[in-house]
């Protein structure tokens, strides 16, 4: 039993190191989503941080503040959702096989 616990501890430590590496890499991976047919583009990184927003000059000049606000919110929400899925997929590849199905551990 002692050997199994040591092996398990080593596996957990290895998984933690791999997760830290993946989390660091996620900061440099980005996704871009758009709204309004590309009038607003939002880019988020794998840590679910918005890193840029690009607004088409025509929509900015239109003076339709409410529509612009709605388009920014839509693009940002899409970018954050896509970034979250990307992070989930990347981190899931590290924990695959380590966590039994149905065991709900936050962050995994």
Protein backbone atom coordinates (compact mmCIF):
# COMPACT_ATOMS: atom_id res chain seq x y z
CA UNK A 1 0.00 0.00 0.00
CA UNK A 2 2.83 2.39 0.81
CA UNK A 3 4.28 2.03 -2.68
CA UNK A 4 0.89 2.79 -4.23
CA UNK A 5 0.58 5.97 -2.19
CA UNK A 6 4.07 7.06 -3.23
CA UNK A 7 3.26 6.34 -6.87
CA UNK A 8 0.02 8.27 -6.57
CA UNK A 9 1.81 11.22 -4.98
CA UNK A 10 4.34 11.23 -7.81
CA UNK A 11 1.53 11.19 -10.36
CA UNK A 12 -0.22 14.08 -8.64
CA UNK A 13 3.03 16.09 -8.51
CA UNK A 14 3.64 15.38 -12.20
CA UNK A 15 0.08 16.43 -13.04
CA UNK A 16 0.49 19.65 -11.04
CA UNK A 17 3.69 20.49 -12.90
CA UNK A 18 2.05 19.79 -16.25
CA UNK A 19 -0.97 21.89 -15.31
CA UNK A 20 1.26 24.82 -14.31
CA UNK A 21 3.02 24.54 -17.68
CA UNK A 22 -0.28 24.44 -19.59
CA UNK A 23 -1.65 27.40 -17.61
CA UNK A 24 1.45 29.43 -18.46
CA UNK A 25 1.10 28.49 -22.13
CA UNK A 26 -2.59 29.47 -22.11
CA UNK A 27 -1.61 33.07 -21.40
CA UNK A 28 0.04 33.19 -24.83
CA UNK A 29 -2.75 31.43 -26.73
CA UNK A 30 -5.50 33.67 -28.04
CA UNK A 31 -8.88 33.38 -29.68
CA UNK A 32 -10.73 36.09 -31.57
CA UNK A 33 -14.49 36.32 -31.92
CA UNK A 34 -16.60 38.90 -33.68
CA UNK A 35 -20.07 40.37 -33.74
CA UNK A 36 -22.00 42.49 -36.18
CA UNK A 37 -20.54 40.72 -39.18
CA UNK A 38 -17.01 41.58 -38.08
CA UNK A 39 -17.68 45.17 -37.05
CA UNK A 40 -16.41 44.39 -33.55
CA UNK A 41 -13.67 41.85 -32.79
CA UNK A 42 -12.61 40.80 -29.31
CA UNK A 43 -9.51 38.76 -28.56
CA UNK A 44 -9.08 36.82 -25.32
CA UNK A 45 -6.23 34.70 -24.06
CA UNK A 46 -6.47 31.26 -22.49
CA UNK A 47 -6.61 32.81 -19.03
CA UNK A 48 -9.94 34.37 -20.07
CA UNK A 49 -8.54 37.90 -20.20
CA UNK A 50 -9.55 40.29 -22.97
CA UNK A 51 -6.33 41.37 -24.68
CA UNK A 52 -7.76 43.50 -27.51
CA UNK A 53 -10.93 44.92 -28.99
CA UNK A 54 -11.08 46.17 -32.56
CA UNK A 55 -14.01 48.34 -33.64
CA UNK A 56 -14.66 49.00 -37.30
CA UNK A 57 -14.37 52.68 -38.12
CA UNK A 58 -17.80 52.79 -39.79
CA UNK A 59 -19.67 51.58 -36.70
CA UNK A 60 -17.64 53.96 -34.53
CA UNK A 61 -18.61 56.89 -36.77
CA UNK A 62 -22.28 55.88 -36.91
CA UNK A 63 -23.00 57.43 -33.53
CA UNK A 64 -25.22 54.51 -32.58
CA UNK A 65 -23.80 54.12 -29.09
CA UNK A 66 -26.29 51.47 -27.93
CA UNK A 67 -25.63 49.23 -30.93
CA UNK A 68 -21.87 49.58 -30.48
CA UNK A 69 -22.15 48.68 -26.80
CA UNK A 70 -24.26 45.62 -27.65
CA UNK A 71 -21.76 44.51 -30.31
CA UNK A 72 -18.83 44.90 -27.89
CA UNK A 73 -20.63 42.87 -25.22
CA UNK A 74 -21.52 40.15 -27.73
CA UNK A 75 -17.96 39.89 -29.11
CA UNK A 76 -16.43 39.86 -25.62
CA UNK A 77 -18.83 37.19 -24.37
CA UNK A 78 -18.10 35.00 -27.41
CA UNK A 79 -14.33 35.45 -26.97
CA UNK A 80 -14.47 34.61 -23.26
CA UNK A 81 -16.60 31.52 -23.92
CA UNK A 82 -14.23 30.30 -26.63
CA UNK A 83 -11.18 31.01 -24.44
CA UNK A 84 -12.81 29.10 -21.58
CA UNK A 85 -13.46 26.11 -23.82
CA UNK A 86 -9.86 26.24 -25.09
CA UNK A 87 -8.52 26.31 -21.52
CA UNK A 88 -10.85 23.48 -20.49
CA UNK A 89 -9.67 21.34 -23.41
CA UNK A 90 -5.99 22.04 -22.74
CA UNK A 91 -6.23 21.37 -19.01
CA UNK A 92 -8.45 18.35 -19.63
CA UNK A 93 -5.71 16.74 -21.69
CA UNK A 94 -3.42 16.92 -18.65
CA UNK A 95 -5.90 15.37 -16.24
CA UNK A 96 -7.28 12.77 -18.67
CA UNK A 97 -7.30 9.40 -16.96
CA UNK A 98 -6.26 10.85 -13.61
CA UNK A 99 -9.68 11.93 -12.37
CA UNK A 100 -12.50 9.37 -12.43
CA UNK A 101 -15.54 10.31 -14.55
CA UNK A 102 -18.25 12.01 -12.53
CA UNK A 103 -15.87 13.29 -9.86
CA UNK A 104 -16.48 17.03 -9.92
CA UNK A 105 -13.32 18.83 -8.76
CA UNK A 106 -13.31 22.61 -9.35
CA UNK A 107 -10.56 23.67 -11.71
CA UNK A 108 -10.25 20.24 -13.34
